[in-house]
Amino acid sequence: MRKFQIPKIPTTTNKSIRFPDDVIAQVEEAIRGTECSFSAFVIEAVRVALENLKEEEDDS
């Protein structure tokens, strides 16, 4: 059994970025009816993209 640990909230920095309106609409549609926020969706998408880039780099 894994030992319970109180999660640590990572430090964050506020960044203002501009999204095309169509991308905002697609993200909002994707998260509608879920508990996911726009920010959480974008953060996860960026993490996945970074992992994919690293895997591609490691493969070449």
N, C-alpha and C. Protein backbone atom coordinates (compact mmCIF):
# COMPACT_ATOMS: atom_id res chain seq x y z
N MET A 1 0.85 -1.18 0.00
CA MET A 1 0.00 0.00 0.00
C MET A 1 0.89 1.24 0.00
N ARG A 2 0.53 2.18 -0.87
CA ARG A 2 1.30 3.40 -0.96
C ARG A 2 0.97 4.31 0.21
N LYS A 3 1.99 4.95 0.77
CA LYS A 3 1.80 5.85 1.91
C LYS A 3 1.20 7.17 1.44
N PHE A 4 0.19 7.64 2.16
CA PHE A 4 -0.43 8.91 1.84
C PHE A 4 0.51 10.05 2.16
N GLN A 5 0.64 10.98 1.20
CA GLN A 5 1.41 12.19 1.44
C GLN A 5 0.55 13.38 1.03
N ILE A 6 0.59 14.41 1.83
CA ILE A 6 -0.15 15.62 1.49
C ILE A 6 0.48 16.20 0.23
N PRO A 7 -0.33 16.43 -0.82
CA PRO A 7 0.24 16.92 -2.07
C PRO A 7 0.81 18.33 -1.93
N LYS A 8 1.88 18.56 -2.65
CA LYS A 8 2.49 19.89 -2.68
C LYS A 8 2.00 20.61 -3.93
N ILE A 9 1.53 21.81 -3.76
CA ILE A 9 1.09 22.60 -4.90
C ILE A 9 2.33 23.24 -5.51
N PRO A 10 2.54 22.99 -6.82
CA PRO A 10 3.75 23.54 -7.44
C PRO A 10 3.68 25.07 -7.51
N THR A 11 4.85 25.68 -7.50
CA THR A 11 4.87 27.13 -7.66
C THR A 11 4.40 27.46 -9.07
N THR A 12 3.79 28.60 -9.22
CA THR A 12 3.28 29.01 -10.52
C THR A 12 3.70 30.44 -10.82
N THR A 13 3.69 30.75 -12.09
CA THR A 13 3.95 32.11 -12.55
C THR A 13 2.83 32.48 -13.51
N ASN A 14 2.30 33.66 -13.37
CA ASN A 14 1.24 34.11 -14.24
C ASN A 14 1.83 34.56 -15.58
N LYS A 15 1.31 33.99 -16.67
CA LYS A 15 1.72 34.38 -18.02
C LYS A 15 0.47 34.72 -18.81
N SER A 16 0.50 35.84 -19.46
CA SER A 16 -0.63 36.21 -20.32
C SER A 16 -0.29 35.83 -21.75
N ILE A 17 -1.15 35.02 -22.35
CA ILE A 17 -0.94 34.63 -23.74
C ILE A 17 -2.25 34.83 -24.49
N ARG A 18 -2.13 35.03 -25.77
CA ARG A 18 -3.32 35.21 -26.59
C ARG A 18 -3.61 33.92 -27.35
N PHE A 19 -4.87 33.55 -27.35
CA PHE A 19 -5.33 32.38 -28.09
C PHE A 19 -6.25 32.84 -29.20
N PRO A 20 -6.17 32.20 -30.36
CA PRO A 20 -7.18 32.48 -31.38
C PRO A 20 -8.56 32.10 -30.85
N ASP A 21 -9.56 32.86 -31.24
CA ASP A 21 -10.92 32.63 -30.75
C ASP A 21 -11.40 31.21 -31.02
N ASP A 22 -11.03 30.65 -32.18
CA ASP A 22 -11.50 29.30 -32.49
C ASP A 22 -10.88 28.26 -31.57
N VAL A 23 -9.65 28.48 -31.13
CA VAL A 23 -9.01 27.54 -30.20
C VAL A 23 -9.68 27.62 -28.83
N ILE A 24 -9.99 28.83 -28.39
CA ILE A 24 -10.69 29.00 -27.12
C ILE A 24 -12.03 28.27 -27.17
N ALA A 25 -12.74 28.43 -28.26
CA ALA A 25 -14.05 27.78 -28.39
C ALA A 25 -13.91 26.26 -28.35
N GLN A 26 -12.89 25.73 -29.01
CA GLN A 26 -12.69 24.27 -29.03
C GLN A 26 -12.33 23.75 -27.65
N VAL A 27 -11.47 24.47 -26.93
CA VAL A 27 -11.11 24.04 -25.57
C VAL A 27 -12.33 24.10 -24.67
N GLU A 28 -13.08 25.18 -24.74
CA GLU A 28 -14.26 25.31 -23.89
C GLU A 28 -15.28 24.21 -24.19
N GLU A 29 -15.42 23.85 -25.45
CA GLU A 29 -16.32 22.74 -25.82
C GLU A 29 -15.80 21.42 -25.24
N ALA A 30 -14.49 21.22 -25.31
CA ALA A 30 -13.89 19.97 -24.82
C ALA A 30 -14.06 19.80 -23.31
N ILE A 31 -14.03 20.90 -22.57
CA ILE A 31 -14.10 20.80 -21.11
C ILE A 31 -15.51 21.01 -20.56
N ARG A 32 -16.45 21.35 -21.44
CA ARG A 32 -17.82 21.57 -20.98
C ARG A 32 -18.36 20.32 -20.29
N GLY A 33 -18.95 20.51 -19.12
CA GLY A 33 -19.53 19.40 -18.38
C GLY A 33 -18.51 18.61 -17.56
N THR A 34 -17.27 19.07 -17.54
CA THR A 34 -16.24 18.41 -16.73
C THR A 34 -15.85 19.31 -15.58
N GLU A 35 -14.99 18.81 -14.73
CA GLU A 35 -14.47 19.60 -13.61
C GLU A 35 -13.18 20.32 -14.01
N CYS A 36 -12.80 20.22 -15.25
CA CYS A 36 -11.53 20.75 -15.73
C CYS A 36 -11.65 22.24 -16.05
N SER A 37 -10.67 23.02 -15.62
CA SER A 37 -10.63 24.44 -15.96
C SER A 37 -9.87 24.64 -17.27
N PHE A 38 -10.04 25.80 -17.86
CA PHE A 38 -9.31 26.14 -19.08
C PHE A 38 -7.81 26.03 -18.83
N SER A 39 -7.34 26.60 -17.72
CA SER A 39 -5.92 26.57 -17.40
C SER A 39 -5.40 25.14 -17.24
N ALA A 40 -6.14 24.31 -16.52
CA ALA A 40 -5.70 22.93 -16.30
C ALA A 40 -5.60 22.18 -17.63
N PHE A 41 -6.55 22.41 -18.52
CA PHE A 41 -6.54 21.78 -19.84
C PHE A 41 -5.29 22.20 -20.61
N VAL A 42 -5.02 23.51 -20.64
CA VAL A 42 -3.87 24.02 -21.39
C VAL A 42 -2.57 23.52 -20.79
N ILE A 43 -2.46 23.50 -19.48
CA ILE A 43 -1.24 23.01 -18.83
C ILE A 43 -0.99 21.55 -19.20
N GLU A 44 -2.02 20.72 -19.15
CA GLU A 44 -1.86 19.30 -19.49
C GLU A 44 -1.49 19.14 -20.97
N ALA A 45 -2.13 19.94 -21.84
CA ALA A 45 -1.82 19.86 -23.26
C ALA A 45 -0.36 20.23 -23.53
N VAL A 46 0.13 21.25 -22.85
CA VAL A 46 1.53 21.65 -23.02
C VAL A 46 2.47 20.57 -22.48
N ARG A 47 2.12 19.97 -21.35
CA ARG A 47 2.97 18.89 -20.82
C ARG A 47 3.06 17.72 -21.80
N VAL A 48 1.93 17.33 -22.37
CA VAL A 48 1.91 16.23 -23.33
C VAL A 48 2.74 16.61 -24.57
N ALA A 49 2.58 17.84 -25.04
CA ALA A 49 3.35 18.28 -26.20
C ALA A 49 4.85 18.25 -25.91
N LEU A 50 5.24 18.68 -24.73
CA LEU A 50 6.66 18.65 -24.36
C LEU A 50 7.20 17.23 -24.27
N GLU A 51 6.41 16.32 -23.71
CA GLU A 51 6.81 14.91 -23.65
C GLU A 51 6.97 14.34 -25.06
N ASN A 52 6.02 14.67 -25.95
CA ASN A 52 6.11 14.18 -27.33
C ASN A 52 7.36 14.71 -28.02
N LEU A 53 7.66 15.98 -27.81
CA LEU A 53 8.87 16.55 -28.41
C LEU A 53 10.12 15.85 -27.89
N LYS A 54 10.15 15.57 -26.59
CA LYS A 54 11.31 14.89 -26.00
C LYS A 54 11.45 13.48 -26.58
N GLU A 55 10.33 12.77 -26.70
CA GLU A 55 10.38 11.42 -27.29
C GLU A 55 10.88 11.46 -28.73
N GLU A 56 10.40 12.42 -29.50
CA GLU A 56 10.87 12.57 -30.89
C GLU A 56 12.36 12.87 -30.93
N GLU A 57 12.81 13.72 -30.01
CA GLU A 57 14.22 14.06 -29.95
C GLU A 57 15.06 12.84 -29.58
N ASP A 58 14.57 12.04 -28.63
CA ASP A 58 15.29 10.84 -28.20
C ASP A 58 15.33 9.79 -29.30
N ASP A 59 14.29 9.74 -30.15
CA ASP A 59 14.24 8.77 -31.24
C ASP A 59 15.19 9.12 -32.38
N SER A 60 15.57 10.40 -32.48
CA SER A 60 16.43 10.78 -33.61
C SER A 60 17.87 10.91 -33.20
